[in-house]
Amino acid sequence: MKKSRIILYIALLIVFSFGAYAAFMYVYTEWKFLPITLLQEPNLQAPHSEWKAMENILYIHKVNTPRRAESKEKSYDGYELDIYATPNETLTIAHDPEEIADGIKLADIFAAIDHPEEKSYWLDLKTEFTQPQLEQILLTAKSFGIPPENLLLETVPGPTAKLIKEKGLGLLLQLPSDFDDDSADPQKRKEINEKALKQWQEYLPAAVSASFGKYPYLRDYFPNMPKAIYYSSTIRPSLKKTFMIKHMQEDPSVKIFMIDEYTWYPSGAANEP
């Protein structure tokens, strides 16, 4: 067999394999976005505050190191960071408690970016925050030219959420963890929806933050409620994320969408998610 024919067969195999992969990912993603079976009629209420941040931009998950912040600057307009407030009033960038010892500060992330004022930040507050600690976040952002409207503060219902609301900041209120767990029971579904609506009426968030797994329930039961959706299950390259982004852009209630991916470094350097 001639060498040119072998090359042709290999090329055709690659094209066929990619086509099959793309088709599978498209069908799989479409399946994930199918409507759920409703146990209650959709609720068109959407108690929320004004959305002041940039809309329809893509966020990258867990930008918790200066190196990751620098490497993603040209690819993403939105960064998600995790912040812990320690007992000694120190604010530390960390996704898990064991990362607190690394001592990374919010200013370290901003300083790693050429134009931090041009980005929007989804700040996942991992603990309760005091008013001085919230002020510390604002002052740090201000020192880098970042306006308050570029900050979105995610937290659970409670004292911190009330402080964020009182200060007129962008509140991302976490969706109740059991929102998608109704066991196909209409009464339980009714109670879950009422609980969520009551929280939104009390806190008036700019948007509700939810994982992609809960998104179909949130979309179908509360189609008008502003949403901040995150998908962090896949960090490897995948066409699935491309198709998901397209779907999210078609839903006007989704204000922002966040995905994840590897941070690649030169050979010999450690990669981080």
C-alpha atoms as a PDB file:
ATOM      1  CA  MET A   1       0.000   0.000   0.000  1.00  0.00           C
ATOM      2  CA  LYS A   2       1.363   3.379  -0.965  1.00  0.00           C
ATOM      3  CA  LYS A   3       2.336   5.788   1.747  1.00  0.00           C
ATOM      4  CA  SER A   4      -0.017   8.468   0.377  1.00  0.00           C
ATOM      5  CA  ARG A   5      -2.986   6.090   0.663  1.00  0.00           C
ATOM      6  CA  ILE A   6      -2.134   5.284   4.270  1.00  0.00           C
ATOM      7  CA  ILE A   7      -2.006   8.977   5.056  1.00  0.00           C
ATOM      8  CA  LEU A   8      -5.366   9.467   3.355  1.00  0.00           C
ATOM      9  CA  TYR A   9      -6.954   6.657   5.387  1.00  0.00           C
ATOM     10  CA  ILE A  10      -5.578   8.100   8.608  1.00  0.00           C
ATOM     11  CA  ALA A  11      -6.885  11.559   7.700  1.00  0.00           C
ATOM     12  CA  LEU A  12     -10.335  10.142   6.899  1.00  0.00           C
ATOM     13  CA  LEU A  13     -10.354   8.223  10.171  1.00  0.00           C
ATOM     14  CA  ILE A  14      -9.511  11.383  12.099  1.00  0.00           C
ATOM     15  CA  VAL A  15     -12.245  13.346  10.331  1.00  0.00           C
ATOM     16  CA  PHE A  16     -14.796  10.579  10.906  1.00  0.00           C
ATOM     17  CA  SER A  17     -13.821  10.227  14.563  1.00  0.00           C
ATOM     18  CA  PHE A  18     -14.093  13.956  15.193  1.00  0.00           C
ATOM     19  CA  GLY A  19     -17.444  14.088  13.414  1.00  0.00           C
ATOM     20  CA  ALA A  20     -18.765  11.222  15.513  1.00  0.00           C
ATOM     21  CA  TYR A  21     -17.471  12.879  18.691  1.00  0.00           C
ATOM     22  CA  ALA A  22     -19.047  16.227  17.754  1.00  0.00           C
ATOM     23  CA  ALA A  23     -22.374  14.574  16.935  1.00  0.00           C
ATOM     24  CA  PHE A  24     -22.371  12.683  20.226  1.00  0.00           C
ATOM     25  CA  MET A  25     -21.571  15.814  22.242  1.00  0.00           C
ATOM     26  CA  TYR A  26     -24.268  17.788  20.435  1.00  0.00           C
ATOM     27  CA  VAL A  27     -26.946  15.170  21.114  1.00  0.00           C
ATOM     28  CA  TYR A  28     -25.761  14.714  24.701  1.00  0.00           C
ATOM     29  CA  THR A  29     -25.909  18.466  25.353  1.00  0.00           C
ATOM     30  CA  GLU A  30     -29.336  18.810  23.756  1.00  0.00           C
ATOM     31  CA  TRP A  31     -30.541  16.024  26.038  1.00  0.00           C
ATOM     32  CA  LYS A  32     -29.204  17.863  29.076  1.00  0.00           C
ATOM     33  CA  PHE A  33     -31.247  20.944  28.111  1.00  0.00           C
ATOM     34  CA  LEU A  34     -34.554  19.132  27.622  1.00  0.00           C
ATOM     35  CA  PRO A  35     -37.511  20.495  29.654  1.00  0.00           C
ATOM     36  CA  ILE A  36     -38.220  18.755  32.919  1.00  0.00           C
ATOM     37  CA  THR A  37     -41.566  17.219  33.853  1.00  0.00           C
ATOM     38  CA  LEU A  38     -43.347  20.005  35.715  1.00  0.00           C
ATOM     39  CA  LEU A  39     -45.159  19.232  38.955  1.00  0.00           C
ATOM     40  CA  GLN A  40     -46.330  22.849  39.239  1.00  0.00           C
ATOM     41  CA  GLU A  41     -47.042  25.652  36.843  1.00  0.00           C
ATOM     42  CA  PRO A  42     -44.092  28.007  36.198  1.00  0.00           C
ATOM     43  CA  ASN A  43     -43.931  31.017  38.498  1.00  0.00           C
ATOM     44  CA  LEU A  44     -43.309  34.233  36.569  1.00  0.00           C
ATOM     45  CA  GLN A  45     -42.308  36.223  39.640  1.00  0.00           C
ATOM     46  CA  ALA A  46     -38.697  37.397  39.690  1.00  0.00           C
ATOM     47  CA  PRO A  47     -37.932  39.410  42.837  1.00  0.00           C
ATOM     48  CA  HIS A  48     -34.467  40.832  42.296  1.00  0.00           C
ATOM     49  CA  SER A  49     -32.369  43.982  42.437  1.00  0.00           C
ATOM     50  CA  GLU A  50     -30.942  45.830  39.460  1.00  0.00           C
ATOM     51  CA  TRP A  51     -28.250  44.020  37.510  1.00  0.00           C
ATOM     52  CA  LYS A  52     -25.269  46.405  37.260  1.00  0.00           C
ATOM     53  CA  ALA A  53     -22.464  44.083  36.143  1.00  0.00           C
ATOM     54  CA  MET A  54     -21.514  43.130  32.617  1.00  0.00           C
ATOM     55  CA  GLU A  55     -23.864  40.618  31.034  1.00  0.00           C
ATOM     56  CA  ASN A  56     -23.403  37.674  28.700  1.00  0.00           C
ATOM     57  CA  ILE A  57     -19.711  37.269  29.408  1.00  0.00           C
ATOM     58  CA  LEU A  58     -17.988  33.988  30.066  1.00  0.00           C
ATOM     59  CA  TYR A  59     -16.464  33.343  33.486  1.00  0.00           C
ATOM     60  CA  ILE A  60     -13.647  30.972  34.349  1.00  0.00           C
ATOM     61  CA  HIS A  61     -13.809  28.967  37.572  1.00  0.00           C
ATOM     62  CA  LYS A  62     -11.409  29.169  40.507  1.00  0.00           C
ATOM     63  CA  VAL A  63      -8.958  31.881  39.520  1.00  0.00           C
ATOM     64  CA  ASN A  64      -7.296  31.558  42.888  1.00  0.00           C
ATOM     65  CA  THR A  65      -3.643  32.054  41.978  1.00  0.00           C
ATOM     66  CA  PRO A  66      -1.838  34.951  40.269  1.00  0.00           C
ATOM     67  CA  ARG A  67      -0.454  32.509  37.701  1.00  0.00           C
ATOM     68  CA  ARG A  68      -3.917  31.338  36.674  1.00  0.00           C
ATOM     69  CA  ALA A  69      -5.219  34.922  36.596  1.00  0.00           C
ATOM     70  CA  GLU A  70      -2.408  35.964  34.275  1.00  0.00           C
ATOM     71  CA  SER A  71      -2.781  32.954  31.976  1.00  0.00           C
ATOM     72  CA  LYS A  72      -6.551  33.407  31.473  1.00  0.00           C
ATOM     73  CA  GLU A  73      -6.564  37.163  30.938  1.00  0.00           C
ATOM     74  CA  LYS A  74      -6.967  37.057  27.149  1.00  0.00           C
ATOM     75  CA  SER A  75      -9.531  34.250  27.149  1.00  0.00           C
ATOM     76  CA  TYR A  76     -12.108  35.343  29.748  1.00  0.00           C
ATOM     77  CA  ASP A  77     -13.818  38.590  30.733  1.00  0.00           C
ATOM     78  CA  GLY A  78     -15.022  37.197  34.045  1.00  0.00           C
ATOM     79  CA  TYR A  79     -13.092  35.575  36.884  1.00  0.00           C
ATOM     80  CA  GLU A  80     -14.515  33.534  39.761  1.00  0.00           C
ATOM     81  CA  LEU A  81     -12.524  33.662  43.003  1.00  0.00           C
ATOM     82  CA  ASP A  82     -13.080  32.025  46.386  1.00  0.00           C
ATOM     83  CA  ILE A  83     -12.515  34.095  49.524  1.00  0.00           C
ATOM     84  CA  TYR A  84     -12.261  33.031  53.165  1.00  0.00           C
ATOM     85  CA  ALA A  85     -12.541  35.426  56.095  1.00  0.00           C
ATOM     86  CA  THR A  86     -10.301  34.049  58.840  1.00  0.00           C
ATOM     87  CA  PRO A  87     -10.928  34.643  62.572  1.00  0.00           C
ATOM     88  CA  ASN A  88      -8.178  37.292  62.660  1.00  0.00           C
ATOM     89  CA  GLU A  89     -10.061  39.345  60.045  1.00  0.00           C
ATOM     90  CA  THR A  90      -7.660  38.357  57.243  1.00  0.00           C
ATOM     91  CA  LEU A  91      -9.161  37.768  53.797  1.00  0.00           C
ATOM     92  CA  THR A  92      -7.533  34.924  51.899  1.00  0.00           C
ATOM     93  CA  ILE A  93      -8.092  33.547  48.421  1.00  0.00           C
ATOM     94  CA  ALA A  94      -8.776  29.822  48.834  1.00  0.00           C
ATOM     95  CA  HIS A  95     -11.239  27.247  47.550  1.00  0.00           C
ATOM     96  CA  ASP A  96     -10.697  24.852  50.450  1.00  0.00           C
ATOM     97  CA  PRO A  97      -9.566  25.462  54.054  1.00  0.00           C
ATOM     98  CA  GLU A  98      -6.215  23.764  53.469  1.00  0.00           C
ATOM     99  CA  GLU A  99      -5.375  26.409  50.844  1.00  0.00           C
ATOM    100  CA  ILE A 100      -5.659  29.260  53.357  1.00  0.00           C
ATOM    101  CA  ALA A 101      -2.050  28.681  54.418  1.00  0.00           C
ATOM    102  CA  ASP A 102      -0.900  29.722  50.922  1.00  0.00           C
ATOM    103  CA  GLY A 103      -1.698  33.274  51.968  1.00  0.00           C
ATOM    104  CA  ILE A 104      -2.863  34.539  48.568  1.00  0.00           C
ATOM    105  CA  LYS A 105      -4.613  37.916  48.784  1.00  0.00           C
ATOM    106  CA  LEU A 106      -7.199  39.535  46.539  1.00  0.00           C
ATOM    107  CA  ALA A 107      -4.640  42.194  45.641  1.00  0.00           C
ATOM    108  CA  ASP A 108      -2.287  39.448  44.398  1.00  0.00           C
ATOM    109  CA  ILE A 109      -4.888  38.344  41.842  1.00  0.00           C
ATOM    110  CA  PHE A 110      -5.649  41.879  40.651  1.00  0.00           C
ATOM    111  CA  ALA A 111      -1.944  42.711  40.399  1.00  0.00           C
ATOM    112  CA  ALA A 112      -1.344  39.747  38.085  1.00  0.00           C
ATOM    113  CA  ILE A 113      -3.691  41.195  35.434  1.00  0.00           C
ATOM    114  CA  ASP A 114      -2.691  43.943  33.014  1.00  0.00           C
ATOM    115  CA  HIS A 115      -6.139  45.568  33.072  1.00  0.00           C
ATOM    116  CA  PRO A 116      -8.061  44.357  36.153  1.00  0.00           C
ATOM    117  CA  GLU A 117     -10.565  47.207  35.802  1.00  0.00           C
ATOM    118  CA  GLU A 118     -11.828  45.707  32.525  1.00  0.00           C
ATOM    119  CA  LYS A 119     -12.927  42.424  34.062  1.00  0.00           C
ATOM    120  CA  SER A 120     -15.886  41.356  36.167  1.00  0.00           C
ATOM    121  CA  TYR A 121     -15.402  39.273  39.314  1.00  0.00           C
ATOM    122  CA  TRP A 122     -17.632  36.592  40.805  1.00  0.00           C
ATOM    123  CA  LEU A 123     -16.482  36.413  44.426  1.00  0.00           C
ATOM    124  CA  ASP A 124     -17.598  33.245  46.192  1.00  0.00           C
ATOM    125  CA  LEU A 125     -17.611  34.115  49.897  1.00  0.00           C
ATOM    126  CA  LYS A 126     -16.865  30.817  51.642  1.00  0.00           C
ATOM    127  CA  THR A 127     -17.591  32.141  55.159  1.00  0.00           C
ATOM    128  CA  GLU A 128     -19.693  34.849  56.770  1.00  0.00           C
ATOM    129  CA  PHE A 129     -18.234  38.343  56.318  1.00  0.00           C
ATOM    130  CA  THR A 130     -18.464  41.435  58.506  1.00  0.00           C
ATOM    131  CA  GLN A 131     -19.084  44.926  57.193  1.00  0.00           C
ATOM    132  CA  PRO A 132     -15.387  45.910  57.605  1.00  0.00           C
ATOM    133  CA  GLN A 133     -14.388  42.825  55.635  1.00  0.00           C
ATOM    134  CA  LEU A 134     -16.760  43.745  52.804  1.00  0.00           C
ATOM    135  CA  GLU A 135     -15.310  47.249  52.887  1.00  0.00           C
ATOM    136  CA  GLN A 136     -11.853  45.709  52.620  1.00  0.00           C
ATOM    137  CA  ILE A 137     -12.892  43.985  49.391  1.00  0.00           C
ATOM    138  CA  LEU A 138     -14.262  47.240  47.978  1.00  0.00           C
ATOM    139  CA  LEU A 139     -11.169  49.240  48.944  1.00  0.00           C
ATOM    140  CA  THR A 140      -8.852  46.644  47.417  1.00  0.00           C
ATOM    141  CA  ALA A 141     -10.840  46.693  44.189  1.00  0.00           C
ATOM    142  CA  LYS A 142     -10.889  50.499  44.169  1.00  0.00           C
ATOM    143  CA  SER A 143      -7.101  50.628  44.489  1.00  0.00           C
ATOM    144  CA  PHE A 144      -6.925  48.782  41.152  1.00  0.00           C
ATOM    145  CA  GLY A 145      -9.560  50.948  39.480  1.00  0.00           C
ATOM    146  CA  ILE A 146     -12.252  48.271  39.693  1.00  0.00           C
ATOM    147  CA  PRO A 147     -15.734  49.784  40.223  1.00  0.00           C
ATOM    148  CA  PRO A 148     -18.210  48.146  42.639  1.00  0.00           C
ATOM    149  CA  GLU A 149     -20.516  47.152  39.786  1.00  0.00           C
ATOM    150  CA  ASN A 150     -17.772  44.815  38.508  1.00  0.00           C
ATOM    151  CA  LEU A 151     -18.005  42.787  41.715  1.00  0.00           C
ATOM    152  CA  LEU A 152     -20.607  40.062  42.241  1.00  0.00           C
ATOM    153  CA  LEU A 153     -20.667  38.594  45.738  1.00  0.00           C
ATOM    154  CA  GLU A 154     -21.976  35.053  46.109  1.00  0.00           C
ATOM    155  CA  THR A 155     -23.174  33.752  49.450  1.00  0.00           C
ATOM    156  CA  VAL A 156     -25.923  31.813  51.193  1.00  0.00           C
ATOM    157  CA  PRO A 157     -28.939  33.435  52.853  1.00  0.00           C
ATOM    158  CA  GLY A 158     -27.852  34.944  56.160  1.00  0.00           C
ATOM    159  CA  PRO A 159     -26.075  37.923  57.759  1.00  0.00           C
ATOM    160  CA  THR A 160     -23.557  38.402  54.941  1.00  0.00           C
ATOM    161  CA  ALA A 161     -26.275  38.393  52.293  1.00  0.00           C
ATOM    162  CA  LYS A 162     -28.153  41.058  54.264  1.00  0.00           C
ATOM    163  CA  LEU A 163     -25.043  43.242  54.469  1.00  0.00           C
ATOM    164  CA  ILE A 164     -24.473  42.922  50.722  1.00  0.00           C
ATOM    165  CA  LYS A 165     -28.079  43.883  50.063  1.00  0.00           C
ATOM    166  CA  GLU A 166     -27.905  46.873  52.434  1.00  0.00           C
ATOM    167  CA  LYS A 167     -24.772  48.161  50.705  1.00  0.00           C
ATOM    168  CA  GLY A 168     -26.448  47.924  47.306  1.00  0.00           C
ATOM    169  CA  LEU A 169     -23.823  45.515  45.955  1.00  0.00           C
ATOM    170  CA  GLY A 170     -24.383  42.771  43.409  1.00  0.00           C
ATOM    171  CA  LEU A 171     -25.637  39.783  45.397  1.00  0.00           C
ATOM    172  CA  LEU A 172     -25.561  36.282  43.942  1.00  0.00           C
ATOM    173  CA  LEU A 173     -27.741  34.265  46.297  1.00  0.00           C
ATOM    174  CA  GLN A 174     -27.037  30.559  46.295  1.00  0.00           C
ATOM    175  CA  LEU A 175     -29.958  28.370  45.329  1.00  0.00           C
ATOM    176  CA  PRO A 176     -31.187  26.000  48.075  1.00  0.00           C
ATOM    177  CA  SER A 177     -29.209  22.765  47.842  1.00  0.00           C
ATOM    178  CA  ASP A 178     -32.360  20.647  47.605  1.00  0.00           C
ATOM    179  CA  PHE A 179     -33.944  22.658  44.783  1.00  0.00           C
ATOM    180  CA  ASP A 180     -33.744  19.753  42.319  1.00  0.00           C
ATOM    181  CA  ASP A 181     -34.683  17.077  44.860  1.00  0.00           C
ATOM    182  CA  ASP A 182     -38.479  16.884  44.840  1.00  0.00           C
ATOM    183  CA  SER A 183     -38.714  13.061  44.499  1.00  0.00           C
ATOM    184  CA  ALA A 184     -41.462  13.647  41.901  1.00  0.00           C
ATOM    185  CA  ASP A 185     -43.725  14.708  44.774  1.00  0.00           C
ATOM    186  CA  PRO A 186     -45.975  17.703  43.873  1.00  0.00           C
ATOM    187  CA  GLN A 187     -46.327  18.780  47.516  1.00  0.00           C
ATOM    188  CA  LYS A 188     -42.579  18.692  48.078  1.00  0.00           C
ATOM    189  CA  ARG A 189     -42.077  20.623  44.828  1.00  0.00           C
ATOM    190  CA  LYS A 190     -44.526  23.255  46.049  1.00  0.00           C
ATOM    191  CA  GLU A 191     -42.664  23.629  49.351  1.00  0.00           C
ATOM    192  CA  ILE A 192     -39.262  23.904  47.611  1.00  0.00           C
ATOM    193  CA  ASN A 193     -40.508  26.596  45.233  1.00  0.00           C
ATOM    194  CA  GLU A 194     -42.162  28.554  48.036  1.00  0.00           C
ATOM    195  CA  LYS A 195     -38.994  28.418  50.143  1.00  0.00           C
ATOM    196  CA  ALA A 196     -36.850  29.709  47.273  1.00  0.00           C
ATOM    197  CA  LEU A 197     -39.291  32.481  46.375  1.00  0.00           C
ATOM    198  CA  LYS A 198     -39.486  33.620  49.990  1.00  0.00           C
ATOM    199  CA  GLN A 199     -35.688  33.925  50.129  1.00  0.00           C
ATOM    200  CA  TRP A 200     -35.582  35.944  46.923  1.00  0.00           C
ATOM    201  CA  GLN A 201     -38.298  38.275  48.171  1.00  0.00           C
ATOM    202  CA  GLU A 202     -36.315  38.865  51.354  1.00  0.00           C
ATOM    203  CA  TYR A 203     -32.849  39.359  49.857  1.00  0.00           C
ATOM    204  CA  LEU A 204     -33.656  40.685  46.358  1.00  0.00           C
ATOM    205  CA  PRO A 205     -30.488  39.273  44.765  1.00  0.00           C
ATOM    206  CA  ALA A 206     -29.124  40.523  41.479  1.00  0.00           C
ATOM    207  CA  ALA A 207     -29.259  36.872  40.413  1.00  0.00           C
ATOM    208  CA  VAL A 208     -29.536  33.366  41.799  1.00  0.00           C
ATOM    209  CA  SER A 209     -26.389  31.257  41.548  1.00  0.00           C
ATOM    210  CA  ALA A 210     -26.843  27.598  40.722  1.00  0.00           C
ATOM    211  CA  SER A 211     -24.970  24.633  39.322  1.00  0.00           C
ATOM    212  CA  PHE A 212     -25.793  23.461  35.830  1.00  0.00           C
ATOM    213  CA  GLY A 213     -27.467  20.379  37.310  1.00  0.00           C
ATOM    214  CA  LYS A 214     -30.083  22.586  38.955  1.00  0.00           C
ATOM    215  CA  TYR A 215     -30.460  24.906  35.976  1.00  0.00           C
ATOM    216  CA  PRO A 216     -33.317  23.013  34.195  1.00  0.00           C
ATOM    217  CA  TYR A 217     -35.431  23.183  37.368  1.00  0.00           C
ATOM    218  CA  LEU A 218     -34.682  26.862  37.905  1.00  0.00           C
ATOM    219  CA  ARG A 219     -35.289  27.652  34.221  1.00  0.00           C
ATOM    220  CA  ASP A 220     -38.609  25.819  34.000  1.00  0.00           C
ATOM    221  CA  TYR A 221     -40.111  26.779  37.368  1.00  0.00           C
ATOM    222  CA  PHE A 222     -38.854  30.383  37.485  1.00  0.00           C
ATOM    223  CA  PRO A 223     -38.159  31.374  33.862  1.00  0.00           C
ATOM    224  CA  ASN A 224     -37.849  35.107  34.594  1.00  0.00           C
ATOM    225  CA  MET A 225     -35.554  34.947  37.619  1.00  0.00           C
ATOM    226  CA  PRO A 226     -32.036  36.249  36.785  1.00  0.00           C
ATOM    227  CA  LYS A 227     -29.516  33.418  36.907  1.00  0.00           C
ATOM    228  CA  ALA A 228     -25.768  32.948  37.368  1.00  0.00           C
ATOM    229  CA  ILE A 229     -25.015  29.387  36.279  1.00  0.00           C
ATOM    230  CA  TYR A 230     -21.797  27.471  36.726  1.00  0.00           C
ATOM    231  CA  TYR A 231     -20.518  24.253  35.197  1.00  0.00           C
ATOM    232  CA  SER A 232     -17.267  23.063  36.755  1.00  0.00           C
ATOM    233  CA  SER A 233     -17.555  19.299  36.278  1.00  0.00           C
ATOM    234  CA  THR A 234     -15.339  19.156  33.171  1.00  0.00           C
ATOM    235  CA  ILE A 235     -11.937  20.844  33.101  1.00  0.00           C
ATOM    236  CA  ARG A 236     -10.620  19.053  30.010  1.00  0.00           C
ATOM    237  CA  PRO A 237     -11.269  20.501  26.533  1.00  0.00           C
ATOM    238  CA  SER A 238     -14.749  19.470  25.396  1.00  0.00           C
ATOM    239  CA  LEU A 239     -17.181  20.461  22.640  1.00  0.00           C
ATOM    240  CA  LYS A 240     -19.908  19.974  25.218  1.00  0.00           C
ATOM    241  CA  LYS A 241     -18.962  23.300  26.798  1.00  0.00           C
ATOM    242  CA  THR A 242     -19.172  25.036  23.409  1.00  0.00           C
ATOM    243  CA  PHE A 243     -22.726  23.775  22.907  1.00  0.00           C
ATOM    244  CA  MET A 244     -23.640  24.648  26.501  1.00  0.00           C
ATOM    245  CA  ILE A 245     -22.424  28.229  26.078  1.00  0.00           C
ATOM    246  CA  LYS A 246     -24.629  28.606  22.998  1.00  0.00           C
ATOM    247  CA  HIS A 247     -27.687  27.421  24.943  1.00  0.00           C
ATOM    248  CA  MET A 248     -26.961  29.759  27.851  1.00  0.00           C
ATOM    249  CA  GLN A 249     -26.647  32.714  25.496  1.00  0.00           C
ATOM    250  CA  GLU A 250     -30.116  31.938  24.152  1.00  0.00           C
ATOM    251  CA  ASP A 251     -31.700  32.197  27.615  1.00  0.00           C
ATOM    252  CA  PRO A 252     -32.190  35.912  28.428  1.00  0.00           C
ATOM    253  CA  SER A 253     -32.556  35.136  32.132  1.00  0.00           C
ATOM    254  CA  VAL A 254     -28.987  33.774  32.333  1.00  0.00           C
ATOM    255  CA  LYS A 255     -26.911  36.827  33.132  1.00  0.00           C
ATOM    256  CA  ILE A 256     -23.585  35.012  33.341  1.00  0.00           C
ATOM    257  CA  PHE A 257     -22.227  31.522  32.777  1.00  0.00           C
ATOM    258  CA  MET A 258     -19.072  30.021  34.256  1.00  0.00           C
ATOM    259  CA  ILE A 259     -17.032  27.055  33.039  1.00  0.00           C
ATOM    260  CA  ASP A 260     -13.742  25.476  34.054  1.00  0.00           C
ATOM    261  CA  GLU A 261     -10.583  24.368  32.268  1.00  0.00           C
ATOM    262  CA  TYR A 262      -6.998  23.413  32.915  1.00  0.00           C
ATOM    263  CA  THR A 263      -4.263  25.962  33.254  1.00  0.00           C
ATOM    264  CA  TRP A 264      -1.461  24.725  31.047  1.00  0.00           C
ATOM    265  CA  TYR A 265       2.131  25.598  31.799  1.00  0.00           C
ATOM    266  CA  PRO A 266       5.377  24.880  29.964  1.00  0.00           C
ATOM    267  CA  SER A 267       6.819  21.372  30.145  1.00  0.00           C
ATOM    268  CA  GLY A 268       8.262  20.660  33.561  1.00  0.00           C
ATOM    269  CA  ALA A 269       5.938  23.037  35.389  1.00  0.00           C
ATOM    270  CA  ALA A 270       2.984  21.741  37.383  1.00  0.00           C
ATOM    271  CA  ASN A 271      -0.458  22.144  35.793  1.00  0.00           C
ATOM    272  CA  GLU A 272      -3.349  23.256  37.931  1.00  0.00           C
ATOM    273  CA  PRO A 273      -7.124  23.020  37.346  1.00  0.00           C
END
